Each structure stands twice: as structure tokens, then as C-alpha cells.
Amino acid sequence: MDLRQLADEIETISSRYAEVIGVDRDDTWFLLKLQEEIGELTQAFLMRTGRARTKGHTAEELDVNFRAELADVLCHVVLMAHHHGVDLQTEIERKWLTWKQ
């Protein structure tokens, strides 16, 4: 699966979710939702690395949650880019992959 196909699939899911819960996904929503997910990733990281209380979760549960929060952040970056008409695949190739030897 390429990044463009992933973006389309994530957009479909997010749009359906927003419709069900009655959320208007405007410019501000995309930014704030990404910020929320980064906060959840930060909490998961802190718990996983022993810098915050684990709330009774096992090491395995903390690891699963950390991985899930990474996925959430990535998906919300992809959603924000899609909302603003940014082709992330092209931008990654332009910004990062030009350094590939």
C-alpha cells in the first residue's frame, strides 16, 4: 500500500467517524486532533519508560498502547495533509529521500 492509498482509506474512516459523532472537521479540528494524539503518545511514552505511573498496566499493555498511539499520530498527520491538499508521498520524496545515496 502506498501513502496516497493509505491517505484515502484513513480519510474515509475519519469522515465516517466524524459524521457519526457529529463533528465538523475544519482546519482547527485537524490541528487540535493531531495535538491531542501527540499528547496521548507522550503519555504512553512516559508510562512505557517509567516516567509516569502505569495505572496498573503491564509492560506488554504499555507497549501495545505506545504502538497504537504512534499509529494514531501518523494517521492524523496523514489526515491533516489530505485535508490541506498536501501529497505527503511527494513531499517526503522531495524533503527526505533526496538525501538517499
N, C-alpha and C. Protein backbone atom coordinates (compact mmCIF):
# COMPACT_ATOMS: atom_id res chain seq x y z
N MET A 1 0.85 -1.18 0.00
CA MET A 1 0.00 0.00 0.00
C MET A 1 0.89 1.24 0.00
N ASP A 2 0.59 2.17 -0.87
CA ASP A 2 1.36 3.41 -0.87
C ASP A 2 0.68 4.46 0.00
N LEU A 3 1.38 5.54 0.22
CA LEU A 3 0.89 6.57 1.15
C LEU A 3 -0.38 7.24 0.63
N ARG A 4 -0.50 7.39 -0.68
CA ARG A 4 -1.71 8.02 -1.23
C ARG A 4 -2.93 7.14 -0.99
N GLN A 5 -2.78 5.84 -1.19
CA GLN A 5 -3.88 4.91 -0.95
C GLN A 5 -4.23 4.90 0.54
N LEU A 6 -3.20 4.89 1.39
CA LEU A 6 -3.43 4.93 2.83
C LEU A 6 -4.20 6.19 3.22
N ALA A 7 -3.82 7.31 2.66
CA ALA A 7 -4.49 8.59 2.96
C ALA A 7 -5.97 8.51 2.60
N ASP A 8 -6.27 7.94 1.45
CA ASP A 8 -7.66 7.81 1.03
C ASP A 8 -8.45 6.93 2.00
N GLU A 9 -7.86 5.83 2.43
CA GLU A 9 -8.55 4.92 3.34
C GLU A 9 -8.75 5.55 4.72
N ILE A 10 -7.74 6.23 5.22
CA ILE A 10 -7.85 6.89 6.52
C ILE A 10 -8.90 8.00 6.46
N GLU A 11 -8.91 8.75 5.36
CA GLU A 11 -9.89 9.82 5.18
C GLU A 11 -11.31 9.27 5.21
N THR A 12 -11.54 8.17 4.56
CA THR A 12 -12.87 7.56 4.54
C THR A 12 -13.32 7.19 5.95
N ILE A 13 -12.44 6.59 6.71
CA ILE A 13 -12.76 6.17 8.07
C ILE A 13 -13.00 7.39 8.96
N SER A 14 -12.13 8.40 8.88
CA SER A 14 -12.26 9.59 9.71
C SER A 14 -13.53 10.36 9.38
N SER A 15 -13.83 10.47 8.11
CA SER A 15 -15.04 11.18 7.68
C SER A 15 -16.29 10.49 8.22
N ARG A 16 -16.32 9.17 8.11
CA ARG A 16 -17.46 8.40 8.62
C ARG A 16 -17.59 8.57 10.14
N TYR A 17 -16.47 8.51 10.85
CA TYR A 17 -16.46 8.67 12.30
C TYR A 17 -16.99 10.05 12.68
N ALA A 18 -16.51 11.09 11.99
CA ALA A 18 -16.96 12.46 12.28
C ALA A 18 -18.45 12.63 12.03
N GLU A 19 -18.94 11.99 11.00
CA GLU A 19 -20.37 12.06 10.68
C GLU A 19 -21.20 11.40 11.79
N VAL A 20 -20.75 10.27 12.26
CA VAL A 20 -21.48 9.53 13.30
C VAL A 20 -21.55 10.33 14.60
N ILE A 21 -20.42 10.97 14.97
CA ILE A 21 -20.42 11.70 16.25
C ILE A 21 -20.77 13.17 16.09
N GLY A 22 -20.98 13.62 14.86
CA GLY A 22 -21.41 15.00 14.63
C GLY A 22 -20.31 16.03 14.78
N VAL A 23 -19.13 15.75 14.28
CA VAL A 23 -18.00 16.67 14.38
C VAL A 23 -17.74 17.32 13.03
N ASP A 24 -17.52 18.63 13.04
CA ASP A 24 -17.14 19.36 11.84
C ASP A 24 -15.62 19.36 11.77
N ARG A 25 -15.08 18.65 10.80
CA ARG A 25 -13.63 18.54 10.67
C ARG A 25 -13.10 19.73 9.87
N ASP A 26 -12.96 20.86 10.53
CA ASP A 26 -12.43 22.05 9.88
C ASP A 26 -10.92 22.14 10.14
N ASP A 27 -10.30 23.20 9.64
CA ASP A 27 -8.85 23.37 9.80
C ASP A 27 -8.42 23.23 11.26
N THR A 28 -9.17 23.86 12.14
CA THR A 28 -8.82 23.84 13.56
C THR A 28 -8.94 22.44 14.13
N TRP A 29 -9.98 21.71 13.76
CA TRP A 29 -10.17 20.35 14.27
C TRP A 29 -8.97 19.47 13.91
N PHE A 30 -8.51 19.54 12.66
CA PHE A 30 -7.39 18.71 12.25
C PHE A 30 -6.14 19.01 13.07
N LEU A 31 -5.87 20.28 13.31
CA LEU A 31 -4.69 20.64 14.11
C LEU A 31 -4.85 20.22 15.56
N LEU A 32 -6.00 20.50 16.15
CA LEU A 32 -6.20 20.16 17.56
C LEU A 32 -6.25 18.66 17.79
N LYS A 33 -6.83 17.94 16.85
CA LYS A 33 -6.89 16.48 16.98
C LYS A 33 -5.48 15.89 16.91
N LEU A 34 -4.64 16.42 16.03
CA LEU A 34 -3.26 15.97 15.97
C LEU A 34 -2.55 16.27 17.29
N GLN A 35 -2.78 17.46 17.83
CA GLN A 35 -2.17 17.83 19.11
C GLN A 35 -2.64 16.89 20.21
N GLU A 36 -3.92 16.55 20.23
CA GLU A 36 -4.45 15.61 21.22
C GLU A 36 -3.73 14.27 21.12
N GLU A 37 -3.56 13.79 19.90
CA GLU A 37 -2.91 12.49 19.71
C GLU A 37 -1.44 12.53 20.11
N ILE A 38 -0.77 13.64 19.87
CA ILE A 38 0.62 13.78 20.30
C ILE A 38 0.69 13.75 21.83
N GLY A 39 -0.28 14.37 22.48
CA GLY A 39 -0.34 14.32 23.94
C GLY A 39 -0.53 12.89 24.45
N GLU A 40 -1.39 12.13 23.78
CA GLU A 40 -1.61 10.73 24.17
C GLU A 40 -0.36 9.90 23.92
N LEU A 41 0.35 10.18 22.83
CA LEU A 41 1.61 9.49 22.57
C LEU A 41 2.64 9.82 23.64
N THR A 42 2.69 11.08 24.04
CA THR A 42 3.62 11.50 25.09
C THR A 42 3.32 10.77 26.38
N GLN A 43 2.05 10.68 26.75
CA GLN A 43 1.67 9.97 27.96
C GLN A 43 2.05 8.49 27.86
N ALA A 44 1.78 7.87 26.73
CA ALA A 44 2.11 6.45 26.55
C ALA A 44 3.62 6.24 26.64
N PHE A 45 4.39 7.14 26.06
CA PHE A 45 5.85 7.06 26.13
C PHE A 45 6.34 7.18 27.56
N LEU A 46 5.81 8.17 28.28
CA LEU A 46 6.23 8.37 29.67
C LEU A 46 5.89 7.16 30.53
N MET A 47 4.73 6.60 30.35
CA MET A 47 4.33 5.41 31.11
C MET A 47 5.23 4.23 30.75
N ARG A 48 5.48 4.05 29.48
CA ARG A 48 6.28 2.92 29.00
C ARG A 48 7.73 3.00 29.47
N THR A 49 8.24 4.21 29.65
CA THR A 49 9.64 4.39 30.05
C THR A 49 9.81 4.63 31.55
N GLY A 50 8.73 4.43 32.31
CA GLY A 50 8.82 4.56 33.76
C GLY A 50 8.89 5.98 34.27
N ARG A 51 8.46 6.93 33.47
CA ARG A 51 8.50 8.34 33.88
C ARG A 51 7.13 8.85 34.29
N ALA A 52 6.14 7.95 34.26
CA ALA A 52 4.80 8.28 34.72
C ALA A 52 4.20 7.00 35.29
N ARG A 53 3.19 7.16 36.12
CA ARG A 53 2.59 5.95 36.71
C ARG A 53 1.93 5.12 35.62
N THR A 54 1.97 3.84 35.81
CA THR A 54 1.49 2.91 34.79
C THR A 54 0.01 2.59 34.91
N LYS A 55 -0.63 3.06 35.96
CA LYS A 55 -2.06 2.84 36.19
C LYS A 55 -2.41 1.36 36.18
N GLY A 56 -1.47 0.54 36.65
CA GLY A 56 -1.70 -0.89 36.77
C GLY A 56 -1.53 -1.68 35.50
N HIS A 57 -1.09 -1.04 34.43
CA HIS A 57 -0.90 -1.75 33.16
C HIS A 57 0.41 -2.53 33.17
N THR A 58 0.39 -3.67 32.51
CA THR A 58 1.59 -4.48 32.37
C THR A 58 2.52 -3.84 31.35
N ALA A 59 3.77 -4.30 31.33
CA ALA A 59 4.73 -3.80 30.34
C ALA A 59 4.23 -4.07 28.93
N GLU A 60 3.63 -5.22 28.72
CA GLU A 60 3.10 -5.55 27.40
C GLU A 60 1.96 -4.61 27.01
N GLU A 61 1.06 -4.32 27.94
CA GLU A 61 -0.05 -3.40 27.66
C GLU A 61 0.48 -2.00 27.35
N LEU A 62 1.51 -1.58 28.08
CA LEU A 62 2.10 -0.25 27.84
C LEU A 62 2.73 -0.20 26.45
N ASP A 63 3.36 -1.28 26.05
CA ASP A 63 3.98 -1.35 24.73
C ASP A 63 2.92 -1.32 23.63
N VAL A 64 1.85 -2.08 23.81
CA VAL A 64 0.75 -2.09 22.84
C VAL A 64 0.15 -0.68 22.71
N ASN A 65 -0.06 -0.02 23.83
CA ASN A 65 -0.63 1.32 23.81
C ASN A 65 0.31 2.32 23.12
N PHE A 66 1.60 2.21 23.38
CA PHE A 66 2.58 3.09 22.74
C PHE A 66 2.53 2.93 21.22
N ARG A 67 2.51 1.69 20.77
CA ARG A 67 2.44 1.43 19.33
C ARG A 67 1.15 1.98 18.72
N ALA A 68 0.05 1.81 19.43
CA ALA A 68 -1.25 2.31 18.95
C ALA A 68 -1.24 3.83 18.86
N GLU A 69 -0.64 4.49 19.83
CA GLU A 69 -0.59 5.96 19.80
C GLU A 69 0.30 6.46 18.68
N LEU A 70 1.38 5.74 18.37
CA LEU A 70 2.20 6.10 17.21
C LEU A 70 1.36 6.05 15.94
N ALA A 71 0.56 5.00 15.82
CA ALA A 71 -0.31 4.86 14.64
C ALA A 71 -1.31 6.01 14.59
N ASP A 72 -1.88 6.39 15.73
CA ASP A 72 -2.84 7.50 15.76
C ASP A 72 -2.20 8.79 15.29
N VAL A 73 -0.98 9.07 15.76
CA VAL A 73 -0.30 10.30 15.35
C VAL A 73 -0.04 10.29 13.84
N LEU A 74 0.46 9.18 13.34
CA LEU A 74 0.72 9.08 11.91
C LEU A 74 -0.57 9.30 11.11
N CYS A 75 -1.64 8.65 11.53
CA CYS A 75 -2.91 8.79 10.80
C CYS A 75 -3.42 10.22 10.83
N HIS A 76 -3.23 10.91 11.93
CA HIS A 76 -3.71 12.29 11.99
C HIS A 76 -2.81 13.25 11.22
N VAL A 77 -1.54 12.95 11.09
CA VAL A 77 -0.68 13.72 10.20
C VAL A 77 -1.15 13.53 8.76
N VAL A 78 -1.42 12.28 8.40
CA VAL A 78 -1.90 11.97 7.06
C VAL A 78 -3.24 12.66 6.79
N LEU A 79 -4.14 12.63 7.77
CA LEU A 79 -5.44 13.30 7.62
C LEU A 79 -5.29 14.81 7.43
N MET A 80 -4.43 15.41 8.21
CA MET A 80 -4.24 16.86 8.10
C MET A 80 -3.67 17.22 6.73
N ALA A 81 -2.70 16.43 6.28
CA ALA A 81 -2.13 16.68 4.95
C ALA A 81 -3.20 16.53 3.88
N HIS A 82 -3.99 15.49 3.97
CA HIS A 82 -5.06 15.25 2.99
C HIS A 82 -6.04 16.41 2.99
N HIS A 83 -6.42 16.87 4.16
CA HIS A 83 -7.36 17.99 4.29
C HIS A 83 -6.84 19.25 3.60
N HIS A 84 -5.53 19.46 3.68
CA HIS A 84 -4.93 20.66 3.10
C HIS A 84 -4.40 20.44 1.68
N GLY A 85 -4.70 19.27 1.12
CA GLY A 85 -4.29 19.00 -0.25
C GLY A 85 -2.80 18.77 -0.43
N VAL A 86 -2.14 18.33 0.63
CA VAL A 86 -0.71 18.06 0.56
C VAL A 86 -0.50 16.59 0.24
N ASP A 87 0.24 16.32 -0.82
CA ASP A 87 0.61 14.96 -1.19
C ASP A 87 1.86 14.59 -0.39
N LEU A 88 1.66 13.91 0.73
CA LEU A 88 2.78 13.59 1.60
C LEU A 88 3.83 12.74 0.91
N GLN A 89 3.41 11.83 0.08
CA GLN A 89 4.37 10.98 -0.61
C GLN A 89 5.34 11.83 -1.43
N THR A 90 4.82 12.79 -2.17
CA THR A 90 5.66 13.69 -2.95
C THR A 90 6.55 14.54 -2.05
N GLU A 91 5.98 15.05 -0.97
CA GLU A 91 6.76 15.91 -0.07
C GLU A 91 7.86 15.14 0.65
N ILE A 92 7.60 13.90 1.01
CA ILE A 92 8.63 13.07 1.64
C ILE A 92 9.75 12.79 0.64
N GLU A 93 9.37 12.49 -0.58
CA GLU A 93 10.39 12.25 -1.61
C GLU A 93 11.23 13.50 -1.82
N ARG A 94 10.58 14.68 -1.84
CA ARG A 94 11.29 15.94 -2.06
C ARG A 94 12.17 16.33 -0.88
N LYS A 95 11.64 16.18 0.32
CA LYS A 95 12.32 16.68 1.53
C LYS A 95 13.31 15.67 2.10
N TRP A 96 12.95 14.40 2.14
CA TRP A 96 13.77 13.39 2.82
C TRP A 96 14.55 12.50 1.86
N LEU A 97 13.88 11.99 0.86
CA LEU A 97 14.50 10.96 0.03
C LEU A 97 15.52 11.50 -0.95
N THR A 98 15.61 12.81 -1.10
CA THR A 98 16.67 13.37 -1.94
C THR A 98 18.04 13.14 -1.30
N TRP A 99 18.04 12.85 -0.01
CA TRP A 99 19.31 12.60 0.70
C TRP A 99 19.75 11.14 0.61
N LYS A 100 18.90 10.31 0.03
CA LYS A 100 19.20 8.89 -0.11
C LYS A 100 20.37 8.72 -1.07
N GLN A 101 21.33 7.94 -0.67
CA GLN A 101 22.51 7.70 -1.53
C GLN A 101 22.24 6.59 -2.51
